[in-house]
Every structure is written in C-alpha cells, then in structure tokens.
PDB file of all heavy atoms in Angstrom:
ATOM      1  N   LEU A   1     -13.716  29.520 -40.878  1.00  0.00           N
ATOM      2  CA  LEU A   1     -13.647  28.404 -41.818  1.00  0.00           C
ATOM      3  C   LEU A   1     -14.710  27.365 -41.456  1.00  0.00           C
ATOM      4  O   LEU A   1     -15.377  26.807 -42.341  1.00  0.00           O
ATOM      5  CB  LEU A   1     -12.249  27.781 -41.778  1.00  0.00           C
ATOM      6  CG  LEU A   1     -12.014  26.553 -42.665  1.00  0.00           C
ATOM      7  CD1 LEU A   1     -12.343  26.846 -44.122  1.00  0.00           C
ATOM      8  CD2 LEU A   1     -10.570  26.071 -42.515  1.00  0.00           C
ATOM      9  N   GLY A   2     -14.888  27.121 -40.155  1.00  0.00           N
ATOM     10  CA  GLY A   2     -15.944  26.214 -39.718  1.00  0.00           C
ATOM     11  C   GLY A   2     -17.324  26.745 -40.031  1.00  0.00           C
ATOM     12  O   GLY A   2     -18.229  25.980 -40.402  1.00  0.00           O
ATOM     13  N   VAL A   3     -17.509  28.057 -39.886  1.00  0.00           N
ATOM     14  CA  VAL A   3     -18.801  28.672 -40.214  1.00  0.00           C
ATOM     15  C   VAL A   3     -19.101  28.495 -41.698  1.00  0.00           C
ATOM     16  O   VAL A   3     -20.221  28.158 -42.093  1.00  0.00           O
ATOM     17  CB  VAL A   3     -18.792  30.169 -39.833  1.00  0.00           C
ATOM     18  CG1 VAL A   3     -20.027  30.877 -40.394  1.00  0.00           C
ATOM     19  CG2 VAL A   3     -18.721  30.326 -38.316  1.00  0.00           C
ATOM     20  N   ARG A   4     -18.115  28.732 -42.545  1.00  0.00           N
ATOM     21  CA  ARG A   4     -18.314  28.545 -43.983  1.00  0.00           C
ATOM     22  C   ARG A   4     -18.768  27.126 -44.299  1.00  0.00           C
ATOM     23  O   ARG A   4     -19.670  26.915 -45.116  1.00  0.00           O
ATOM     24  CB  ARG A   4     -17.008  28.835 -44.730  1.00  0.00           C
ATOM     25  CG  ARG A   4     -16.664  30.308 -44.842  1.00  0.00           C
ATOM     26  CD  ARG A   4     -15.273  30.495 -45.401  1.00  0.00           C
ATOM     27  NE  ARG A   4     -15.116  29.890 -46.724  1.00  0.00           N
ATOM     28  CZ  ARG A   4     -13.942  29.749 -47.337  1.00  0.00           C
ATOM     29  NH1 ARG A   4     -12.832  30.159 -46.742  1.00  0.00           N
ATOM     30  NH2 ARG A   4     -13.879  29.206 -48.538  1.00  0.00           N
ATOM     31  N   ARG A   5     -18.134  26.157 -43.647  1.00  0.00           N
ATOM     32  CA  ARG A   5     -18.446  24.752 -43.966  1.00  0.00           C
ATOM     33  C   ARG A   5     -19.753  24.279 -43.336  1.00  0.00           C
ATOM     34  O   ARG A   5     -20.539  23.578 -43.979  1.00  0.00           O
ATOM     35  CB  ARG A   5     -17.305  23.843 -43.492  1.00  0.00           C
ATOM     36  CG  ARG A   5     -15.997  24.036 -44.226  1.00  0.00           C
ATOM     37  CD  ARG A   5     -15.099  22.828 -44.075  1.00  0.00           C
ATOM     38  NE  ARG A   5     -15.037  22.334 -42.703  1.00  0.00           N
ATOM     39  CZ  ARG A   5     -14.500  21.168 -42.361  1.00  0.00           C
ATOM     40  NH1 ARG A   5     -13.989  20.376 -43.282  1.00  0.00           N
ATOM     41  NH2 ARG A   5     -14.447  20.795 -41.095  1.00  0.00           N
ATOM     42  N   SER A   6     -19.985  24.637 -42.065  1.00  0.00           N
ATOM     43  CA  SER A   6     -21.081  24.033 -41.311  1.00  0.00           C
ATOM     44  C   SER A   6     -22.321  24.899 -41.186  1.00  0.00           C
ATOM     45  O   SER A   6     -23.389  24.391 -40.852  1.00  0.00           O
ATOM     46  CB  SER A   6     -20.591  23.672 -39.898  1.00  0.00           C
ATOM     47  OG  SER A   6     -19.504  22.779 -39.967  1.00  0.00           O
ATOM     48  N   ILE A   7     -22.195  26.202 -41.419  1.00  0.00           N
ATOM     49  CA  ILE A   7     -23.349  27.102 -41.339  1.00  0.00           C
ATOM     50  C   ILE A   7     -23.777  27.538 -42.732  1.00  0.00           C
ATOM     51  O   ILE A   7     -24.942  27.420 -43.113  1.00  0.00           O
ATOM     52  CB  ILE A   7     -23.037  28.338 -40.472  1.00  0.00           C
ATOM     53  CG1 ILE A   7     -22.515  27.919 -39.088  1.00  0.00           C
ATOM     54  CG2 ILE A   7     -24.281  29.218 -40.341  1.00  0.00           C
ATOM     55  CD1 ILE A   7     -23.490  27.123 -38.250  1.00  0.00           C
ATOM     56  N   PHE A   8     -22.832  28.032 -43.524  1.00  0.00           N
ATOM     57  CA  PHE A   8     -23.151  28.505 -44.871  1.00  0.00           C
ATOM     58  C   PHE A   8     -23.123  27.389 -45.907  1.00  0.00           C
ATOM     59  O   PHE A   8     -23.525  27.589 -47.050  1.00  0.00           O
ATOM     60  CB  PHE A   8     -22.168  29.604 -45.294  1.00  0.00           C
ATOM     61  CG  PHE A   8     -22.184  30.817 -44.414  1.00  0.00           C
ATOM     62  CD1 PHE A   8     -21.064  31.616 -44.297  1.00  0.00           C
ATOM     63  CD2 PHE A   8     -23.316  31.163 -43.693  1.00  0.00           C
ATOM     64  CE1 PHE A   8     -21.061  32.751 -43.499  1.00  0.00           C
ATOM     65  CE2 PHE A   8     -23.330  32.298 -42.883  1.00  0.00           C
ATOM     66  CZ  PHE A   8     -22.205  33.078 -42.780  1.00  0.00           C
ATOM     67  N   MET A   9     -22.606  26.220 -45.520  1.00  0.00           N
ATOM     68  CA  MET A   9     -22.496  25.069 -46.429  1.00  0.00           C
ATOM     69  C   MET A   9     -21.692  25.416 -47.684  1.00  0.00           C
ATOM     70  O   MET A   9     -22.043  25.052 -48.796  1.00  0.00           O
ATOM     71  CB  MET A   9     -23.884  24.537 -46.827  1.00  0.00           C
ATOM     72  CG  MET A   9     -24.754  24.182 -45.648  1.00  0.00           C
ATOM     73  SD  MET A   9     -23.937  22.985 -44.548  1.00  0.00           S
ATOM     74  CE  MET A   9     -25.088  22.943 -43.172  1.00  0.00           C
ATOM     75  N   MET A  10     -20.593  26.154 -47.472  1.00  0.00           N
ATOM     76  CA  MET A  10     -19.706  26.530 -48.571  1.00  0.00           C
ATOM     77  C   MET A  10     -18.377  25.814 -48.402  1.00  0.00           C
ATOM     78  O   MET A  10     -17.685  26.008 -47.408  1.00  0.00           O
ATOM     79  CB  MET A  10     -19.467  28.046 -48.569  1.00  0.00           C
ATOM     80  CG  MET A  10     -20.697  28.876 -48.820  1.00  0.00           C
ATOM     81  SD  MET A  10     -20.303  30.649 -48.745  1.00  0.00           S
ATOM     82  CE  MET A  10     -21.917  31.354 -49.093  1.00  0.00           C
ATOM     83  N   ARG A  11     -18.035  24.999 -49.357  1.00  0.00           N
ATOM     84  CA  ARG A  11     -16.788  24.266 -49.286  1.00  0.00           C
ATOM     85  C   ARG A  11     -15.623  25.179 -49.663  1.00  0.00           C
ATOM     86  O   ARG A  11     -15.693  25.902 -50.653  1.00  0.00           O
ATOM     87  CB  ARG A  11     -16.820  23.062 -50.228  1.00  0.00           C
ATOM     88  CG  ARG A  11     -17.879  22.032 -49.865  1.00  0.00           C
ATOM     89  CD  ARG A  11     -17.805  20.836 -50.805  1.00  0.00           C
ATOM     90  NE  ARG A  11     -16.529  20.155 -50.686  1.00  0.00           N
ATOM     91  CZ  ARG A  11     -16.200  19.075 -51.398  1.00  0.00           C
ATOM     92  NH1 ARG A  11     -17.052  18.594 -52.302  1.00  0.00           N
ATOM     93  NH2 ARG A  11     -15.039  18.494 -51.226  1.00  0.00           N
ATOM     94  N   PRO A  12     -14.530  25.155 -48.872  1.00  0.00           N
ATOM     95  CA  PRO A  12     -13.366  25.970 -49.231  1.00  0.00           C
ATOM     96  C   PRO A  12     -12.724  25.452 -50.513  1.00  0.00           C
ATOM     97  O   PRO A  12     -12.897  24.293 -50.891  1.00  0.00           O
ATOM     98  CB  PRO A  12     -12.434  25.798 -48.024  1.00  0.00           C
ATOM     99  CG  PRO A  12     -12.847  24.513 -47.395  1.00  0.00           C
ATOM    100  CD  PRO A  12     -14.323  24.394 -47.626  1.00  0.00           C
ATOM    101  N   SER A  13     -11.976  26.310 -51.165  1.00  0.00           N
ATOM    102  CA  SER A  13     -11.367  25.955 -52.443  1.00  0.00           C
ATOM    103  C   SER A  13     -10.110  25.109 -52.275  1.00  0.00           C
ATOM    104  O   SER A  13      -9.629  24.520 -53.249  1.00  0.00           O
ATOM    105  CB  SER A  13     -11.037  27.224 -53.234  1.00  0.00           C
ATOM    106  OG  SER A  13     -10.218  28.087 -52.465  1.00  0.00           O
ATOM    107  N   LEU A  14      -9.561  25.055 -51.068  1.00  0.00           N
ATOM    108  CA  LEU A  14      -8.376  24.258 -50.780  1.00  0.00           C
ATOM    109  C   LEU A  14      -8.700  23.258 -49.673  1.00  0.00           C
ATOM    110  O   LEU A  14      -9.636  23.472 -48.896  1.00  0.00           O
ATOM    111  CB  LEU A  14      -7.222  25.155 -50.321  1.00  0.00           C
ATOM    112  CG  LEU A  14      -6.656  26.150 -51.336  1.00  0.00           C
ATOM    113  CD1 LEU A  14      -5.611  27.036 -50.658  1.00  0.00           C
ATOM    114  CD2 LEU A  14      -6.050  25.422 -52.525  1.00  0.00           C
ATOM    115  N   PRO A  15      -7.941  22.166 -49.572  1.00  0.00           N
ATOM    116  CA  PRO A  15      -8.134  21.236 -48.443  1.00  0.00           C
ATOM    117  C   PRO A  15      -7.960  21.960 -47.116  1.00  0.00           C
ATOM    118  O   PRO A  15      -7.155  22.897 -47.006  1.00  0.00           O
ATOM    119  CB  PRO A  15      -7.036  20.189 -48.666  1.00  0.00           C
ATOM    120  CG  PRO A  15      -6.711  20.264 -50.121  1.00  0.00           C
ATOM    121  CD  PRO A  15      -6.895  21.704 -50.504  1.00  0.00           C
ATOM    122  N   VAL A  16      -8.700  21.523 -46.106  1.00  0.00           N
ATOM    123  CA  VAL A  16      -8.670  22.197 -44.812  1.00  0.00           C
ATOM    124  C   VAL A  16      -7.257  22.237 -44.239  1.00  0.00           C
ATOM    125  O   VAL A  16      -6.800  23.273 -43.729  1.00  0.00           O
ATOM    126  CB  VAL A  16      -9.636  21.519 -43.829  1.00  0.00           C
ATOM    127  CG1 VAL A  16      -9.409  22.032 -42.407  1.00  0.00           C
ATOM    128  CG2 VAL A  16     -11.074  21.776 -44.243  1.00  0.00           C
ATOM    129  N   ASP A  17      -6.527  21.133 -44.307  1.00  0.00           N
ATOM    130  CA  ASP A  17      -5.174  21.119 -43.750  1.00  0.00           C
ATOM    131  C   ASP A  17      -4.290  22.168 -44.407  1.00  0.00           C
ATOM    132  O   ASP A  17      -3.490  22.836 -43.742  1.00  0.00           O
ATOM    133  CB  ASP A  17      -4.543  19.736 -43.920  1.00  0.00           C
ATOM    134  CG  ASP A  17      -5.069  18.726 -42.897  1.00  0.00           C
ATOM    135  OD1 ASP A  17      -5.810  19.142 -41.985  1.00  0.00           O
ATOM    136  OD2 ASP A  17      -4.728  17.537 -43.014  1.00  0.00           O
ATOM    137  N   ALA A  18      -4.430  22.327 -45.729  1.00  0.00           N
ATOM    138  CA  ALA A  18      -3.634  23.325 -46.440  1.00  0.00           C
ATOM    139  C   ALA A  18      -4.023  24.737 -46.019  1.00  0.00           C
ATOM    140  O   ALA A  18      -3.161  25.613 -45.856  1.00  0.00           O
ATOM    141  CB  ALA A  18      -3.798  23.159 -47.944  1.00  0.00           C
ATOM    142  N   LEU A  19      -5.318  24.972 -45.835  1.00  0.00           N
ATOM    143  CA  LEU A  19      -5.778  26.289 -45.411  1.00  0.00           C
ATOM    144  C   LEU A  19      -5.295  26.622 -44.004  1.00  0.00           C
ATOM    145  O   LEU A  19      -4.874  27.748 -43.729  1.00  0.00           O
ATOM    146  CB  LEU A  19      -7.309  26.349 -45.462  1.00  0.00           C
ATOM    147  CG  LEU A  19      -7.925  26.533 -46.841  1.00  0.00           C
ATOM    148  CD1 LEU A  19      -9.436  26.361 -46.763  1.00  0.00           C
ATOM    149  CD2 LEU A  19      -7.583  27.902 -47.405  1.00  0.00           C
ATOM    150  N   VAL A  20      -5.379  25.650 -43.111  1.00  0.00           N
ATOM    151  CA  VAL A  20      -4.936  25.875 -41.734  1.00  0.00           C
ATOM    152  C   VAL A  20      -3.441  26.188 -41.717  1.00  0.00           C
ATOM    153  O   VAL A  20      -2.998  27.142 -41.058  1.00  0.00           O
ATOM    154  CB  VAL A  20      -5.254  24.655 -40.852  1.00  0.00           C
ATOM    155  CG1 VAL A  20      -4.600  24.805 -39.476  1.00  0.00           C
ATOM    156  CG2 VAL A  20      -6.763  24.491 -40.700  1.00  0.00           C
ATOM    157  N   GLU A  21      -2.657  25.412 -42.452  1.00  0.00           N
ATOM    158  CA  GLU A  21      -1.221  25.670 -42.491  1.00  0.00           C
ATOM    159  C   GLU A  21      -0.935  27.058 -43.051  1.00  0.00           C
ATOM    160  O   GLU A  21      -0.077  27.793 -42.540  1.00  0.00           O
ATOM    161  CB  GLU A  21      -0.510  24.617 -43.334  1.00  0.00           C
ATOM    162  CG  GLU A  21       0.997  24.847 -43.396  1.00  0.00           C
ATOM    163  CD  GLU A  21       1.741  23.766 -44.151  1.00  0.00           C
ATOM    164  OE1 GLU A  21       1.127  22.745 -44.496  1.00  0.00           O
ATOM    165  OE2 GLU A  21       2.959  23.956 -44.398  1.00  0.00           O
ATOM    166  N   GLN A  22      -1.662  27.436 -44.086  1.00  0.00           N
ATOM    167  CA  GLN A  22      -1.479  28.765 -44.671  1.00  0.00           C
ATOM    168  C   GLN A  22      -1.774  29.862 -43.657  1.00  0.00           C
ATOM    169  O   GLN A  22      -1.011  30.834 -43.523  1.00  0.00           O
ATOM    170  CB  GLN A  22      -2.398  28.912 -45.883  1.00  0.00           C
ATOM    171  CG  GLN A  22      -2.397  30.293 -46.525  1.00  0.00           C
ATOM    172  CD  GLN A  22      -3.302  30.350 -47.746  1.00  0.00           C
ATOM    173  OE1 GLN A  22      -2.938  29.877 -48.803  1.00  0.00           O
ATOM    174  NE2 GLN A  22      -4.497  30.904 -47.582  1.00  0.00           N
ATOM    175  N   GLN A  23      -2.886  29.726 -42.933  1.00  0.00           N
ATOM    176  CA  GLN A  23      -3.252  30.733 -41.943  1.00  0.00           C
ATOM    177  C   GLN A  23      -2.228  30.821 -40.827  1.00  0.00           C
ATOM    178  O   GLN A  23      -1.871  31.912 -40.371  1.00  0.00           O
ATOM    179  CB  GLN A  23      -4.634  30.411 -41.358  1.00  0.00           C
ATOM    180  CG  GLN A  23      -5.795  30.569 -42.328  1.00  0.00           C
ATOM    181  CD  GLN A  23      -5.896  31.993 -42.835  1.00  0.00           C
ATOM    182  OE1 GLN A  23      -5.679  32.273 -44.014  1.00  0.00           O
ATOM    183  NE2 GLN A  23      -6.239  32.899 -41.945  1.00  0.00           N
ATOM    184  N   VAL A  24      -1.733  29.664 -40.385  1.00  0.00           N
ATOM    185  CA  VAL A  24      -0.759  29.667 -39.298  1.00  0.00           C
ATOM    186  C   VAL A  24       0.545  30.312 -39.743  1.00  0.00           C
ATOM    187  O   VAL A  24       1.140  31.120 -39.016  1.00  0.00           O
ATOM    188  CB  VAL A  24      -0.512  28.235 -38.790  1.00  0.00           C
ATOM    189  CG1 VAL A  24       0.631  28.219 -37.774  1.00  0.00           C
ATOM    190  CG2 VAL A  24      -1.780  27.672 -38.142  1.00  0.00           C
ATOM    191  N   ARG A  25       1.003  29.992 -40.929  1.00  0.00           N
ATOM    192  CA  ARG A  25       2.272  30.559 -41.397  1.00  0.00           C
ATOM    193  C   ARG A  25       2.153  32.071 -41.605  1.00  0.00           C
ATOM    194  O   ARG A  25       3.102  32.818 -41.326  1.00  0.00           O
ATOM    195  CB  ARG A  25       2.730  29.851 -42.668  1.00  0.00           C
ATOM    196  CG  ARG A  25       3.104  28.388 -42.429  1.00  0.00           C
ATOM    197  CD  ARG A  25       3.953  27.818 -43.542  1.00  0.00           C
ATOM    198  NE  ARG A  25       4.151  26.381 -43.387  1.00  0.00           N
ATOM    199  CZ  ARG A  25       5.011  25.814 -42.542  1.00  0.00           C
ATOM    200  NH1 ARG A  25       5.780  26.575 -41.757  1.00  0.00           N
ATOM    201  NH2 ARG A  25       5.131  24.499 -42.473  1.00  0.00           N
ATOM    202  N   MET A  26       1.008  32.528 -42.079  1.00  0.00           N
ATOM    203  CA  MET A  26       0.811  33.976 -42.210  1.00  0.00           C
ATOM    204  C   MET A  26       0.792  34.635 -40.839  1.00  0.00           C
ATOM    205  O   MET A  26       1.351  35.727 -40.655  1.00  0.00           O
ATOM    206  CB  MET A  26      -0.483  34.261 -42.971  1.00  0.00           C
ATOM    207  CG  MET A  26      -0.407  33.963 -44.458  1.00  0.00           C
ATOM    208  SD  MET A  26      -1.786  34.651 -45.422  1.00  0.00           S
ATOM    209  CE  MET A  26      -3.184  33.806 -44.669  1.00  0.00           C
ATOM    210  N   PHE A  27       0.161  33.984 -39.864  1.00  0.00           N
ATOM    211  CA  PHE A  27       0.138  34.519 -38.509  1.00  0.00           C
ATOM    212  C   PHE A  27       1.549  34.617 -37.938  1.00  0.00           C
ATOM    213  O   PHE A  27       1.941  35.651 -37.382  1.00  0.00           O
ATOM    214  CB  PHE A  27      -0.723  33.641 -37.600  1.00  0.00           C
ATOM    215  CG  PHE A  27      -0.369  33.745 -36.146  1.00  0.00           C
ATOM    216  CD1 PHE A  27      -0.709  34.864 -35.413  1.00  0.00           C
ATOM    217  CD2 PHE A  27       0.347  32.725 -35.513  1.00  0.00           C
ATOM    218  CE1 PHE A  27      -0.358  34.979 -34.066  1.00  0.00           C
ATOM    219  CE2 PHE A  27       0.691  32.822 -34.182  1.00  0.00           C
ATOM    220  CZ  PHE A  27       0.345  33.952 -33.457  1.00  0.00           C
ATOM    221  N   VAL A  28       2.326  33.551 -38.069  1.00  0.00           N
ATOM    222  CA  VAL A  28       3.683  33.540 -37.511  1.00  0.00           C
ATOM    223  C   VAL A  28       4.530  34.629 -38.154  1.00  0.00           C
ATOM    224  O   VAL A  28       5.243  35.378 -37.468  1.00  0.00           O
ATOM    225  CB  VAL A  28       4.337  32.151 -37.693  1.00  0.00           C
ATOM    226  CG1 VAL A  28       5.822  32.209 -37.340  1.00  0.00           C
ATOM    227  CG2 VAL A  28       3.635  31.116 -36.824  1.00  0.00           C
ATOM    228  N   ALA A  29       4.444  34.746 -39.475  1.00  0.00           N
ATOM    229  CA  ALA A  29       5.212  35.784 -40.164  1.00  0.00           C
ATOM    230  C   ALA A  29       4.786  37.181 -39.701  1.00  0.00           C
ATOM    231  O   ALA A  29       5.636  38.055 -39.446  1.00  0.00           O
ATOM    232  CB  ALA A  29       5.033  35.652 -41.676  1.00  0.00           C
ATOM    233  N   GLY A  30       3.499  37.403 -39.581  1.00  0.00           N
ATOM    234  CA  GLY A  30       2.999  38.700 -39.138  1.00  0.00           C
ATOM    235  C   GLY A  30       3.363  38.998 -37.703  1.00  0.00           C
ATOM    236  O   GLY A  30       3.701  40.141 -37.355  1.00  0.00           O
ATOM    237  N   PHE A  31       3.315  37.981 -36.847  1.00  0.00           N
ATOM    238  CA  PHE A  31       3.651  38.161 -35.434  1.00  0.00           C
ATOM    239  C   PHE A  31       5.114  38.560 -35.294  1.00  0.00           C
ATOM    240  O   PHE A  31       5.455  39.486 -34.554  1.00  0.00           O
ATOM    241  CB  PHE A  31       3.369  36.867 -34.679  1.00  0.00           C
ATOM    242  CG  PHE A  31       3.411  37.003 -33.189  1.00  0.00           C
ATOM    243  CD1 PHE A  31       2.253  37.275 -32.468  1.00  0.00           C
ATOM    244  CD2 PHE A  31       4.600  36.850 -32.490  1.00  0.00           C
ATOM    245  CE1 PHE A  31       2.289  37.398 -31.079  1.00  0.00           C
ATOM    246  CE2 PHE A  31       4.643  36.972 -31.113  1.00  0.00           C
ATOM    247  CZ  PHE A  31       3.479  37.248 -30.408  1.00  0.00           C
ATOM    248  N   ARG A  32       5.972  37.851 -36.022  1.00  0.00           N
ATOM    249  CA  ARG A  32       7.401  38.179 -35.959  1.00  0.00           C
ATOM    250  C   ARG A  32       7.669  39.584 -36.492  1.00  0.00           C
ATOM    251  O   ARG A  32       8.485  40.332 -35.935  1.00  0.00           O
ATOM    252  CB  ARG A  32       8.195  37.137 -36.743  1.00  0.00           C
ATOM    253  CG  ARG A  32       8.311  35.805 -36.011  1.00  0.00           C
ATOM    254  CD  ARG A  32       8.979  34.752 -36.865  1.00  0.00           C
ATOM    255  NE  ARG A  32       9.346  33.583 -36.065  1.00  0.00           N
ATOM    256  CZ  ARG A  32       9.536  32.368 -36.557  1.00  0.00           C
ATOM    257  NH1 ARG A  32       9.392  32.163 -37.862  1.00  0.00           N
ATOM    258  NH2 ARG A  32       9.869  31.361 -35.773  1.00  0.00           N
ATOM    259  N   ALA A  33       6.991  39.942 -37.569  1.00  0.00           N
ATOM    260  CA  ALA A  33       7.176  41.280 -38.128  1.00  0.00           C
ATOM    261  C   ALA A  33       6.712  42.349 -37.143  1.00  0.00           C
ATOM    262  O   ALA A  33       7.355  43.404 -37.011  1.00  0.00           O
ATOM    263  CB  ALA A  33       6.409  41.404 -39.444  1.00  0.00           C
ATOM    264  N   MET A  34       5.619  42.084 -36.438  1.00  0.00           N
ATOM    265  CA  MET A  34       5.106  43.042 -35.465  1.00  0.00           C
ATOM    266  C   MET A  34       6.109  43.262 -34.336  1.00  0.00           C
ATOM    267  O   MET A  34       6.397  44.405 -33.951  1.00  0.00           O
ATOM    268  CB  MET A  34       3.776  42.540 -34.896  1.00  0.00           C
ATOM    269  CG  MET A  34       3.194  43.410 -33.788  1.00  0.00           C
ATOM    270  SD  MET A  34       1.650  42.733 -33.108  1.00  0.00           S
ATOM    271  CE  MET A  34       2.254  41.258 -32.276  1.00  0.00           C
ATOM    272  N   LEU A  35       6.677  42.163 -33.801  1.00  0.00           N
ATOM    273  CA  LEU A  35       7.632  42.299 -32.712  1.00  0.00           C
ATOM    274  C   LEU A  35       8.928  42.953 -33.191  1.00  0.00           C
ATOM    275  O   LEU A  35       9.540  43.747 -32.467  1.00  0.00           O
ATOM    276  CB  LEU A  35       7.925  40.932 -32.099  1.00  0.00           C
ATOM    277  CG  LEU A  35       6.773  40.278 -31.334  1.00  0.00           C
ATOM    278  CD1 LEU A  35       7.264  39.030 -30.611  1.00  0.00           C
ATOM    279  CD2 LEU A  35       6.144  41.230 -30.321  1.00  0.00           C
ATOM    280  N   THR A  36       9.357  42.635 -34.411  1.00  0.00           N
ATOM    281  CA  THR A  36      10.566  43.251 -34.957  1.00  0.00           C
ATOM    282  C   THR A  36      10.388  44.757 -35.108  1.00  0.00           C
ATOM    283  O   THR A  36      11.278  45.548 -34.765  1.00  0.00           O
ATOM    284  CB  THR A  36      10.915  42.622 -36.314  1.00  0.00           C
ATOM    285  OG1 THR A  36      11.167  41.224 -36.131  1.00  0.00           O
ATOM    286  CG2 THR A  36      12.138  43.286 -36.915  1.00  0.00           C
ATOM    287  N   ALA A  37       9.219  45.165 -35.615  1.00  0.00           N
ATOM    288  CA  ALA A  37       8.938  46.592 -35.779  1.00  0.00           C
ATOM    289  C   ALA A  37       8.901  47.288 -34.427  1.00  0.00           C
ATOM    290  O   ALA A  37       9.399  48.421 -34.278  1.00  0.00           O
ATOM    291  CB  ALA A  37       7.614  46.784 -36.503  1.00  0.00           C
TER     292      ALA A  37
END
C-alpha cells in the first residue's frame, strides 16, 4: 500500500485507515480458519 502511494503515485480507492482495518480483519479471519482446519 505504501509502494502504491509513494513509489507508483497511485492513490487507493478507500481511505488508508479503512484499507488497513480491512486487511487486518481478513488476516485475523484467515488465521483463525487456518488454525481451526
């Protein structure tokens, strides 16, 4: 995400805080699913 903003100069389509929260929640859900499996 930092590379997109600071190297490629491409602004994300969502606010950074929203994107970070989305990524973290997907990670947590996936991590729990992995351990459950």
